[in-house]
């Protein structure tokens, strides 16, 4: 087995080879992902960030170093992941796959900030740009999808129900625009500051449709209040619709996963029983020295 095949077996998320070290590598990377996300959250407190800056920096160096090695290893073994393609096309297919983009965006901010610091560009760059770069590290949470079966299940369900979810999103968008337009028409004259235009009225429509109701903007006319009640009732059903779709799909997916595991375990047990039966039969045959048909010693045959 060549070096590339060995690397591929180590980073194969499906662990087809059944290697224990593969699971351990996945567990270490999952731990690093969680810790790096916690670090990003904690660093948002300036006093803690300043006090433990060196600790955070070196932890980030180690985490990004491991994530970079993982990313390069997946690029290196792309031809084994996509054996039907040429080496160049396999690499391109991996690089532009959703998970590879997440992998790249997870490490890119560190190198951009490091380069900017090296060339003295930190003071030149917009502070908001630097903050966005640092917040992009939170994208690492999507890397868990590769190593966690629960995250994979969520992704599979979303893919399975994408058409139904698109319909609910489309219906929500239509209702949102209609609600904003109607409340603007009804309330604009009474409250021009609260409902100056349709797109400003969308804030009220969103809060009402989702039944949040912040109360910062609300209708004052009788017609506006009636409209608000109708929209709130429609919002309850609209929120429940995708919830029902996803919950039903999750239950079905979980049951299918359980059945799959039961079938796999049954197949393993059947194979073990068959192997044991063959072994017992061979052992019994070894003890037979007389032919049951002719009564002679078997060795004479």
C-alpha atoms as a PDB file:
ATOM      1  CA  UNK A   1       0.000   0.000   0.000  1.00  0.00           C
ATOM      2  CA  UNK A   2       1.403   3.375  -1.043  1.00  0.00           C
ATOM      3  CA  UNK A   3       1.772   6.503   1.075  1.00  0.00           C
ATOM      4  CA  UNK A   4      -1.217   8.231  -0.564  1.00  0.00           C
ATOM      5  CA  UNK A   5      -3.494   5.249   0.179  1.00  0.00           C
ATOM      6  CA  UNK A   6      -2.380   5.268   3.828  1.00  0.00           C
ATOM      7  CA  UNK A   7      -3.116   8.997   4.151  1.00  0.00           C
ATOM      8  CA  UNK A   8      -6.519   8.529   2.520  1.00  0.00           C
ATOM      9  CA  UNK A   9      -7.432   5.723   4.940  1.00  0.00           C
ATOM     10  CA  UNK A  10      -6.518   7.951   7.898  1.00  0.00           C
ATOM     11  CA  UNK A  11      -8.697  10.898   6.823  1.00  0.00           C
ATOM     12  CA  UNK A  12     -11.568   8.910   5.277  1.00  0.00           C
ATOM     13  CA  UNK A  13     -14.643  10.180   7.160  1.00  0.00           C
ATOM     14  CA  UNK A  14     -16.579   6.983   6.384  1.00  0.00           C
ATOM     15  CA  UNK A  15     -13.721   4.911   7.861  1.00  0.00           C
ATOM     16  CA  UNK A  16     -14.308   2.091   5.381  1.00  0.00           C
ATOM     17  CA  UNK A  17     -11.107   0.404   6.563  1.00  0.00           C
ATOM     18  CA  UNK A  18     -12.416   0.312  10.159  1.00  0.00           C
ATOM     19  CA  UNK A  19      -9.246   1.852  11.620  1.00  0.00           C
ATOM     20  CA  UNK A  20      -9.378   2.870  15.296  1.00  0.00           C
ATOM     21  CA  UNK A  21      -6.816   5.627  14.692  1.00  0.00           C
ATOM     22  CA  UNK A  22      -9.172   7.105  12.099  1.00  0.00           C
ATOM     23  CA  UNK A  23     -11.848   7.558  14.774  1.00  0.00           C
ATOM     24  CA  UNK A  24      -9.272   9.048  17.150  1.00  0.00           C
ATOM     25  CA  UNK A  25      -8.118  11.571  14.549  1.00  0.00           C
ATOM     26  CA  UNK A  26     -11.747  12.546  13.967  1.00  0.00           C
ATOM     27  CA  UNK A  27     -12.301  12.965  17.725  1.00  0.00           C
ATOM     28  CA  UNK A  28      -9.201  15.179  18.075  1.00  0.00           C
ATOM     29  CA  UNK A  29     -10.293  17.402  15.178  1.00  0.00           C
ATOM     30  CA  UNK A  30     -13.831  17.645  16.608  1.00  0.00           C
ATOM     31  CA  UNK A  31     -12.383  18.714  19.967  1.00  0.00           C
ATOM     32  CA  UNK A  32     -10.195  21.328  18.258  1.00  0.00           C
ATOM     33  CA  UNK A  33     -13.198  22.683  16.347  1.00  0.00           C
ATOM     34  CA  UNK A  34     -15.266  23.051  19.532  1.00  0.00           C
ATOM     35  CA  UNK A  35     -12.387  24.622  21.496  1.00  0.00           C
ATOM     36  CA  UNK A  36     -11.562  27.061  18.682  1.00  0.00           C
ATOM     37  CA  UNK A  37     -15.214  28.191  18.541  1.00  0.00           C
ATOM     38  CA  UNK A  38     -15.227  28.660  22.336  1.00  0.00           C
ATOM     39  CA  UNK A  39     -12.000  30.681  21.989  1.00  0.00           C
ATOM     40  CA  UNK A  40     -13.599  32.993  19.403  1.00  0.00           C
ATOM     41  CA  UNK A  41     -16.554  33.599  21.736  1.00  0.00           C
ATOM     42  CA  UNK A  42     -14.347  34.225  24.795  1.00  0.00           C
ATOM     43  CA  UNK A  43     -12.021  36.543  22.834  1.00  0.00           C
ATOM     44  CA  UNK A  44     -14.933  38.889  22.174  1.00  0.00           C
ATOM     45  CA  UNK A  45     -14.388  40.085  25.772  1.00  0.00           C
ATOM     46  CA  UNK A  46     -11.551  42.595  25.339  1.00  0.00           C
ATOM     47  CA  UNK A  47     -10.145  42.266  28.884  1.00  0.00           C
ATOM     48  CA  UNK A  48      -9.851  38.461  28.604  1.00  0.00           C
ATOM     49  CA  UNK A  49      -8.411  38.713  25.098  1.00  0.00           C
ATOM     50  CA  UNK A  50      -5.699  41.140  26.246  1.00  0.00           C
ATOM     51  CA  UNK A  51      -4.852  39.126  29.370  1.00  0.00           C
ATOM     52  CA  UNK A  52      -4.544  35.757  27.607  1.00  0.00           C
ATOM     53  CA  UNK A  53      -3.570  36.961  24.138  1.00  0.00           C
ATOM     54  CA  UNK A  54      -0.496  34.692  23.891  1.00  0.00           C
ATOM     55  CA  UNK A  55      -2.494  31.622  24.963  1.00  0.00           C
ATOM     56  CA  UNK A  56      -5.189  32.312  22.373  1.00  0.00           C
ATOM     57  CA  UNK A  57      -2.599  33.028  19.679  1.00  0.00           C
ATOM     58  CA  UNK A  58      -0.614  29.816  20.136  1.00  0.00           C
ATOM     59  CA  UNK A  59      -3.755  27.737  20.435  1.00  0.00           C
ATOM     60  CA  UNK A  60      -4.920  29.258  17.133  1.00  0.00           C
ATOM     61  CA  UNK A  61      -1.536  28.456  15.557  1.00  0.00           C
ATOM     62  CA  UNK A  62      -1.810  24.794  16.611  1.00  0.00           C
ATOM     63  CA  UNK A  63      -5.470  24.488  15.559  1.00  0.00           C
ATOM     64  CA  UNK A  64      -4.940  26.164  12.181  1.00  0.00           C
ATOM     65  CA  UNK A  65      -1.806  24.077  11.622  1.00  0.00           C
ATOM     66  CA  UNK A  66      -3.773  20.849  12.111  1.00  0.00           C
ATOM     67  CA  UNK A  67      -6.697  22.106  10.000  1.00  0.00           C
ATOM     68  CA  UNK A  68      -4.240  23.092   7.242  1.00  0.00           C
ATOM     69  CA  UNK A  69      -2.591  19.663   7.250  1.00  0.00           C
ATOM     70  CA  UNK A  70      -6.049  18.067   7.051  1.00  0.00           C
ATOM     71  CA  UNK A  71      -7.047  20.330   4.135  1.00  0.00           C
ATOM     72  CA  UNK A  72      -3.827  19.665   2.199  1.00  0.00           C
ATOM     73  CA  UNK A  73      -4.141  15.918   2.874  1.00  0.00           C
ATOM     74  CA  UNK A  74      -7.636  15.924   1.377  1.00  0.00           C
ATOM     75  CA  UNK A  75      -6.397  17.832  -1.676  1.00  0.00           C
ATOM     76  CA  UNK A  76      -3.499  15.361  -1.998  1.00  0.00           C
ATOM     77  CA  UNK A  77      -5.823  12.315  -1.850  1.00  0.00           C
ATOM     78  CA  UNK A  78      -8.633  13.803  -3.978  1.00  0.00           C
ATOM     79  CA  UNK A  79      -7.824  11.394  -6.830  1.00  0.00           C
ATOM     80  CA  UNK A  80      -8.667   8.468  -4.500  1.00  0.00           C
ATOM     81  CA  UNK A  81     -11.901  10.108  -3.355  1.00  0.00           C
ATOM     82  CA  UNK A  82     -12.933  10.583  -7.008  1.00  0.00           C
ATOM     83  CA  UNK A  83     -11.258   7.656  -8.828  1.00  0.00           C
ATOM     84  CA  UNK A  84     -13.417   8.123 -11.934  1.00  0.00           C
ATOM     85  CA  UNK A  85     -11.779  11.537 -12.620  1.00  0.00           C
ATOM     86  CA  UNK A  86      -8.279  12.537 -13.636  1.00  0.00           C
ATOM     87  CA  UNK A  87      -5.998  13.870 -10.883  1.00  0.00           C
ATOM     88  CA  UNK A  88      -6.454  17.532 -11.844  1.00  0.00           C
ATOM     89  CA  UNK A  89     -10.232  17.304 -12.146  1.00  0.00           C
ATOM     90  CA  UNK A  90     -10.488  15.367  -8.891  1.00  0.00           C
ATOM     91  CA  UNK A  91      -8.572  18.115  -7.063  1.00  0.00           C
ATOM     92  CA  UNK A  92     -10.776  20.821  -8.600  1.00  0.00           C
ATOM     93  CA  UNK A  93     -13.937  18.893  -7.704  1.00  0.00           C
ATOM     94  CA  UNK A  94     -12.794  18.614  -4.098  1.00  0.00           C
ATOM     95  CA  UNK A  95     -11.634  22.246  -3.813  1.00  0.00           C
ATOM     96  CA  UNK A  96     -15.017  23.534  -4.974  1.00  0.00           C
ATOM     97  CA  UNK A  97     -17.093  21.073  -2.944  1.00  0.00           C
ATOM     98  CA  UNK A  98     -19.117  22.638  -0.068  1.00  0.00           C
ATOM     99  CA  UNK A  99     -17.092  20.995   2.712  1.00  0.00           C
ATOM    100  CA  UNK A 100     -13.768  21.955   1.096  1.00  0.00           C
ATOM    101  CA  UNK A 101     -14.908  25.580   0.880  1.00  0.00           C
ATOM    102  CA  UNK A 102     -15.780  25.431   4.587  1.00  0.00           C
ATOM    103  CA  UNK A 103     -12.341  23.924   5.312  1.00  0.00           C
ATOM    104  CA  UNK A 104     -10.634  26.723   3.376  1.00  0.00           C
ATOM    105  CA  UNK A 105     -12.675  29.532   4.941  1.00  0.00           C
ATOM    106  CA  UNK A 106     -11.938  28.068   8.384  1.00  0.00           C
ATOM    107  CA  UNK A 107      -8.180  28.598   7.985  1.00  0.00           C
ATOM    108  CA  UNK A 108      -8.052  31.559   5.577  1.00  0.00           C
ATOM    109  CA  UNK A 109      -8.695  34.365   8.156  1.00  0.00           C
ATOM    110  CA  UNK A 110      -5.646  33.354  10.203  1.00  0.00           C
ATOM    111  CA  UNK A 111      -3.286  33.551   7.228  1.00  0.00           C
ATOM    112  CA  UNK A 112      -4.785  36.828   5.955  1.00  0.00           C
ATOM    113  CA  UNK A 113      -4.415  38.431   9.385  1.00  0.00           C
ATOM    114  CA  UNK A 114      -0.897  36.998   9.767  1.00  0.00           C
ATOM    115  CA  UNK A 115       0.142  38.392   6.365  1.00  0.00           C
ATOM    116  CA  UNK A 116      -1.435  41.774   7.156  1.00  0.00           C
ATOM    117  CA  UNK A 117       0.444  41.888  10.460  1.00  0.00           C
ATOM    118  CA  UNK A 118       3.733  40.884   8.794  1.00  0.00           C
ATOM    119  CA  UNK A 119       3.478  43.595   6.138  1.00  0.00           C
ATOM    120  CA  UNK A 120       2.246  46.241   8.583  1.00  0.00           C
ATOM    121  CA  UNK A 121      -1.249  46.493   7.099  1.00  0.00           C
ATOM    122  CA  UNK A 122      -3.259  46.017  10.315  1.00  0.00           C
ATOM    123  CA  UNK A 123      -3.474  49.771  10.871  1.00  0.00           C
ATOM    124  CA  UNK A 124      -4.375  50.362   7.226  1.00  0.00           C
ATOM    125  CA  UNK A 125      -7.168  47.775   6.994  1.00  0.00           C
ATOM    126  CA  UNK A 126     -10.675  48.694   8.091  1.00  0.00           C
ATOM    127  CA  UNK A 127     -11.331  47.518  11.663  1.00  0.00           C
ATOM    128  CA  UNK A 128     -14.685  46.073  10.561  1.00  0.00           C
ATOM    129  CA  UNK A 129     -12.889  43.954   7.943  1.00  0.00           C
ATOM    130  CA  UNK A 130     -10.572  42.527  10.609  1.00  0.00           C
ATOM    131  CA  UNK A 131     -13.540  41.759  12.872  1.00  0.00           C
ATOM    132  CA  UNK A 132     -15.341  39.993  10.028  1.00  0.00           C
ATOM    133  CA  UNK A 133     -12.192  37.951   9.350  1.00  0.00           C
ATOM    134  CA  UNK A 134     -12.027  36.880  12.977  1.00  0.00           C
ATOM    135  CA  UNK A 135     -15.720  36.033  13.091  1.00  0.00           C
ATOM    136  CA  UNK A 136     -15.282  33.879   9.974  1.00  0.00           C
ATOM    137  CA  UNK A 137     -13.493  31.411  12.231  1.00  0.00           C
ATOM    138  CA  UNK A 138     -16.967  30.493  13.504  1.00  0.00           C
ATOM    139  CA  UNK A 139     -17.478  28.768  10.140  1.00  0.00           C
ATOM    140  CA  UNK A 140     -15.451  25.922  11.650  1.00  0.00           C
ATOM    141  CA  UNK A 141     -18.652  24.759  13.295  1.00  0.00           C
ATOM    142  CA  UNK A 142     -19.712  23.427   9.878  1.00  0.00           C
ATOM    143  CA  UNK A 143     -16.636  21.170   9.865  1.00  0.00           C
ATOM    144  CA  UNK A 144     -18.430  19.123  12.522  1.00  0.00           C
ATOM    145  CA  UNK A 145     -20.698  17.901   9.740  1.00  0.00           C
ATOM    146  CA  UNK A 146     -17.857  15.660   8.540  1.00  0.00           C
ATOM    147  CA  UNK A 147     -17.110  14.037  11.899  1.00  0.00           C
ATOM    148  CA  UNK A 148     -20.478  14.013  13.688  1.00  0.00           C
ATOM    149  CA  UNK A 149     -23.280  11.656  12.654  1.00  0.00           C
ATOM    150  CA  UNK A 150     -25.943  13.978  14.102  1.00  0.00           C
ATOM    151  CA  UNK A 151     -24.748  16.870  11.933  1.00  0.00           C
ATOM    152  CA  UNK A 152     -24.728  14.550   8.920  1.00  0.00           C
ATOM    153  CA  UNK A 153     -28.299  13.544   9.716  1.00  0.00           C
ATOM    154  CA  UNK A 154     -29.389  17.199   9.779  1.00  0.00           C
ATOM    155  CA  UNK A 155     -27.731  17.787   6.404  1.00  0.00           C
ATOM    156  CA  UNK A 156     -29.333  14.685   4.885  1.00  0.00           C
ATOM    157  CA  UNK A 157     -32.803  15.689   6.108  1.00  0.00           C
ATOM    158  CA  UNK A 158     -32.403  19.233   4.772  1.00  0.00           C
ATOM    159  CA  UNK A 159     -31.369  17.860   1.369  1.00  0.00           C
ATOM    160  CA  UNK A 160     -34.247  15.392   1.335  1.00  0.00           C
ATOM    161  CA  UNK A 161     -36.851  18.042   2.134  1.00  0.00           C
ATOM    162  CA  UNK A 162     -35.306  20.980   0.248  1.00  0.00           C
ATOM    163  CA  UNK A 163     -38.203  21.263  -2.217  1.00  0.00           C
ATOM    164  CA  UNK A 164     -40.847  21.390   0.522  1.00  0.00           C
ATOM    165  CA  UNK A 165     -38.760  23.850   2.531  1.00  0.00           C
ATOM    166  CA  UNK A 166     -38.300  26.046  -0.544  1.00  0.00           C
ATOM    167  CA  UNK A 167     -42.084  26.165  -0.977  1.00  0.00           C
ATOM    168  CA  UNK A 168     -42.565  27.265   2.656  1.00  0.00           C
ATOM    169  CA  UNK A 169     -39.838  29.921   2.302  1.00  0.00           C
ATOM    170  CA  UNK A 170     -41.458  31.156  -0.916  1.00  0.00           C
ATOM    171  CA  UNK A 171     -44.879  31.313   0.780  1.00  0.00           C
ATOM    172  CA  UNK A 172     -43.354  33.174   3.729  1.00  0.00           C
ATOM    173  CA  UNK A 173     -41.718  35.724   1.417  1.00  0.00           C
ATOM    174  CA  UNK A 174     -45.024  36.366  -0.384  1.00  0.00           C
ATOM    175  CA  UNK A 175     -46.923  36.746   2.893  1.00  0.00           C
ATOM    176  CA  UNK A 176     -44.190  39.016   4.279  1.00  0.00           C
ATOM    177  CA  UNK A 177     -44.393  41.414   1.328  1.00  0.00           C
ATOM    178  CA  UNK A 178     -48.211  41.420   1.373  1.00  0.00           C
ATOM    179  CA  UNK A 179     -48.326  42.046   5.129  1.00  0.00           C
ATOM    180  CA  UNK A 180     -45.818  44.906   4.871  1.00  0.00           C
ATOM    181  CA  UNK A 181     -47.696  46.477   1.948  1.00  0.00           C
ATOM    182  CA  UNK A 182     -51.082  46.212   3.683  1.00  0.00           C
ATOM    183  CA  UNK A 183     -49.923  47.615   7.021  1.00  0.00           C
ATOM    184  CA  UNK A 184     -48.147  50.455   5.206  1.00  0.00           C
ATOM    185  CA  UNK A 185     -51.367  51.287   3.349  1.00  0.00           C
ATOM    186  CA  UNK A 186     -53.459  51.188   6.529  1.00  0.00           C
ATOM    187  CA  UNK A 187     -51.032  52.814   9.011  1.00  0.00           C
ATOM    188  CA  UNK A 188     -48.899  55.247   6.994  1.00  0.00           C
ATOM    189  CA  UNK A 189     -51.174  58.249   7.468  1.00  0.00           C
ATOM    190  CA  UNK A 190     -51.649  57.618  11.192  1.00  0.00           C
ATOM    191  CA  UNK A 191     -47.966  56.781  11.915  1.00  0.00           C
ATOM    192  CA  UNK A 192     -45.688  58.065   9.123  1.00  0.00           C
ATOM    193  CA  UNK A 193     -42.624  57.743  11.389  1.00  0.00           C
ATOM    194  CA  UNK A 194     -43.278  54.077  12.257  1.00  0.00           C
ATOM    195  CA  UNK A 195     -44.424  53.021   8.765  1.00  0.00           C
ATOM    196  CA  UNK A 196     -42.618  55.382   6.329  1.00  0.00           C
ATOM    197  CA  UNK A 197     -42.459  52.865   3.448  1.00  0.00           C
ATOM    198  CA  UNK A 198     -43.094  49.219   2.602  1.00  0.00           C
ATOM    199  CA  UNK A 199     -39.577  47.888   3.205  1.00  0.00           C
ATOM    200  CA  UNK A 200     -39.437  49.629   6.613  1.00  0.00           C
ATOM    201  CA  UNK A 201     -42.817  48.038   7.410  1.00  0.00           C
ATOM    202  CA  UNK A 202     -41.266  44.605   6.788  1.00  0.00           C
ATOM    203  CA  UNK A 203     -39.636  44.766  10.232  1.00  0.00           C
ATOM    204  CA  UNK A 204     -43.103  44.861  11.828  1.00  0.00           C
ATOM    205  CA  UNK A 205     -44.310  42.118   9.437  1.00  0.00           C
ATOM    206  CA  UNK A 206     -41.392  39.825  10.382  1.00  0.00           C
ATOM    207  CA  UNK A 207     -41.931  40.361  14.129  1.00  0.00           C
ATOM    208  CA  UNK A 208     -45.671  39.675  13.739  1.00  0.00           C
ATOM    209  CA  UNK A 209     -45.395  36.658  11.403  1.00  0.00           C
ATOM    210  CA  UNK A 210     -42.905  34.959  13.714  1.00  0.00           C
ATOM    211  CA  UNK A 211     -45.185  35.854  16.677  1.00  0.00           C
ATOM    212  CA  UNK A 212     -42.235  37.566  18.408  1.00  0.00           C
ATOM    213  CA  UNK A 213     -43.967  40.947  18.715  1.00  0.00           C
ATOM    214  CA  UNK A 214     -41.221  43.211  20.066  1.00  0.00           C
ATOM    215  CA  UNK A 215     -43.705  46.069  20.528  1.00  0.00           C
ATOM    216  CA  UNK A 216     -41.385  48.825  19.276  1.00  0.00           C
ATOM    217  CA  UNK A 217     -43.684  49.342  16.257  1.00  0.00           C
ATOM    218  CA  UNK A 218     -47.379  48.466  16.312  1.00  0.00           C
ATOM    219  CA  UNK A 219     -50.591  49.528  14.515  1.00  0.00           C
ATOM    220  CA  UNK A 220     -52.843  52.116  16.142  1.00  0.00           C
ATOM    221  CA  UNK A 221     -55.866  52.123  13.824  1.00  0.00           C
ATOM    222  CA  UNK A 222     -58.743  49.647  14.099  1.00  0.00           C
ATOM    223  CA  UNK A 223     -58.085  48.235  10.638  1.00  0.00           C
ATOM    224  CA  UNK A 224     -54.383  47.927  11.442  1.00  0.00           C
ATOM    225  CA  UNK A 225     -55.130  45.964  14.620  1.00  0.00           C
ATOM    226  CA  UNK A 226     -57.469  43.592  12.761  1.00  0.00           C
ATOM    227  CA  UNK A 227     -54.789  43.097  10.104  1.00  0.00           C
ATOM    228  CA  UNK A 228     -52.181  42.420  12.806  1.00  0.00           C
ATOM    229  CA  UNK A 229     -54.394  39.734  14.368  1.00  0.00           C
ATOM    230  CA  UNK A 230     -54.948  37.970  11.042  1.00  0.00           C
ATOM    231  CA  UNK A 231     -51.222  38.077  10.192  1.00  0.00           C
ATOM    232  CA  UNK A 232     -50.300  36.743  13.651  1.00  0.00           C
ATOM    233  CA  UNK A 233     -52.684  33.783  13.206  1.00  0.00           C
ATOM    234  CA  UNK A 234     -51.274  33.076   9.742  1.00  0.00           C
ATOM    235  CA  UNK A 235     -47.781  33.295  11.209  1.00  0.00           C
ATOM    236  CA  UNK A 236     -48.511  30.512  13.719  1.00  0.00           C
ATOM    237  CA  UNK A 237     -49.424  28.127  10.899  1.00  0.00           C
ATOM    238  CA  UNK A 238     -46.552  29.265   8.736  1.00  0.00           C
ATOM    239  CA  UNK A 239     -43.960  28.616  11.459  1.00  0.00           C
ATOM    240  CA  UNK A 240     -45.520  25.224  12.255  1.00  0.00           C
ATOM    241  CA  UNK A 241     -45.358  24.096   8.616  1.00  0.00           C
ATOM    242  CA  UNK A 242     -41.544  23.694   8.245  1.00  0.00           C
ATOM    243  CA  UNK A 243     -41.385  22.408  11.827  1.00  0.00           C
ATOM    244  CA  UNK A 244     -43.769  19.579  10.933  1.00  0.00           C
ATOM    245  CA  UNK A 245     -41.910  18.796   7.710  1.00  0.00           C
ATOM    246  CA  UNK A 246     -38.517  18.598   9.445  1.00  0.00           C
ATOM    247  CA  UNK A 247     -39.723  16.722  12.547  1.00  0.00           C
ATOM    248  CA  UNK A 248     -41.424  14.063  10.402  1.00  0.00           C
ATOM    249  CA  UNK A 249     -38.304  13.670   8.266  1.00  0.00           C
ATOM    250  CA  UNK A 250     -36.060  13.434  11.339  1.00  0.00           C
ATOM    251  CA  UNK A 251     -38.183  10.655  12.857  1.00  0.00           C
ATOM    252  CA  UNK A 252     -38.136   8.754   9.551  1.00  0.00           C
ATOM    253  CA  UNK A 253     -34.365   9.220   9.119  1.00  0.00           C
ATOM    254  CA  UNK A 254     -33.654   8.088  12.694  1.00  0.00           C
ATOM    255  CA  UNK A 255     -35.823   4.971  12.246  1.00  0.00           C
ATOM    256  CA  UNK A 256     -34.074   4.153   8.956  1.00  0.00           C
ATOM    257  CA  UNK A 257     -30.690   4.553  10.665  1.00  0.00           C
ATOM    258  CA  UNK A 258     -31.762   2.190  13.459  1.00  0.00           C
ATOM    259  CA  UNK A 259     -33.013  -0.396  10.942  1.00  0.00           C
ATOM    260  CA  UNK A 260     -29.750  -0.116   9.014  1.00  0.00           C
ATOM    261  CA  UNK A 261     -27.715  -0.747  12.172  1.00  0.00           C
ATOM    262  CA  UNK A 262     -29.925  -3.725  13.101  1.00  0.00           C
ATOM    263  CA  UNK A 263     -29.469  -5.214   9.605  1.00  0.00           C
ATOM    264  CA  UNK A 264     -25.699  -4.703   9.755  1.00  0.00           C
ATOM    265  CA  UNK A 265     -25.519  -6.295  13.213  1.00  0.00           C
ATOM    266  CA  UNK A 266     -27.730  -9.207  12.070  1.00  0.00           C
ATOM    267  CA  UNK A 267     -25.444  -9.778   9.091  1.00  0.00           C
ATOM    268  CA  UNK A 268     -22.396  -9.788  11.400  1.00  0.00           C
ATOM    269  CA  UNK A 269     -24.050 -12.291  13.765  1.00  0.00           C
ATOM    270  CA  UNK A 270     -25.091 -14.526  10.838  1.00  0.00           C
ATOM    271  CA  UNK A 271     -21.527 -14.478   9.486  1.00  0.00           C
ATOM    272  CA  UNK A 272     -20.128 -15.364  12.931  1.00  0.00           C
ATOM    273  CA  UNK A 273     -22.621 -18.253  13.349  1.00  0.00           C
ATOM    274  CA  UNK A 274     -21.850 -19.588   9.855  1.00  0.00           C
ATOM    275  CA  UNK A 275     -18.110 -19.425  10.494  1.00  0.00           C
ATOM    276  CA  UNK A 276     -18.507 -21.206  13.836  1.00  0.00           C
ATOM    277  CA  UNK A 277     -20.680 -23.922  12.229  1.00  0.00           C
ATOM    278  CA  UNK A 278     -18.084 -24.531   9.491  1.00  0.00           C
ATOM    279  CA  UNK A 279     -15.346 -24.720  12.116  1.00  0.00           C
ATOM    280  CA  UNK A 280     -17.322 -27.240  14.201  1.00  0.00           C
ATOM    281  CA  UNK A 281     -18.054 -29.323  11.108  1.00  0.00           C
ATOM    282  CA  UNK A 282     -14.360 -29.413  10.179  1.00  0.00           C
ATOM    283  CA  UNK A 283     -13.442 -30.446  13.723  1.00  0.00           C
ATOM    284  CA  UNK A 284     -16.032 -33.261  13.651  1.00  0.00           C
ATOM    285  CA  UNK A 285     -14.734 -34.442  10.287  1.00  0.00           C
ATOM    286  CA  UNK A 286     -11.174 -34.580  11.626  1.00  0.00           C
ATOM    287  CA  UNK A 287     -12.255 -37.096  14.315  1.00  0.00           C
ATOM    288  CA  UNK A 288     -13.847 -39.496  11.789  1.00  0.00           C
ATOM    289  CA  UNK A 289     -11.342 -42.234  10.859  1.00  0.00           C
ATOM    290  CA  UNK A 290     -13.722 -44.967   9.551  1.00  0.00           C
ATOM    291  CA  UNK A 291     -15.701 -44.522   6.330  1.00  0.00           C
ATOM    292  CA  UNK A 292     -19.449 -44.857   7.179  1.00  0.00           C
ATOM    293  CA  UNK A 293     -20.140 -46.480   3.768  1.00  0.00           C
ATOM    294  CA  UNK A 294     -17.518 -49.215   3.431  1.00  0.00           C
ATOM    295  CA  UNK A 295     -16.184 -49.514   7.003  1.00  0.00           C
ATOM    296  CA  UNK A 296     -12.546 -49.079   5.917  1.00  0.00           C
ATOM    297  CA  UNK A 297      -9.999 -46.595   7.263  1.00  0.00           C
ATOM    298  CA  UNK A 298     -10.414 -43.222   5.526  1.00  0.00           C
ATOM    299  CA  UNK A 299      -6.647 -42.976   4.955  1.00  0.00           C
ATOM    300  CA  UNK A 300      -6.863 -46.101   2.737  1.00  0.00           C
ATOM    301  CA  UNK A 301      -9.213 -44.304   0.284  1.00  0.00           C
END
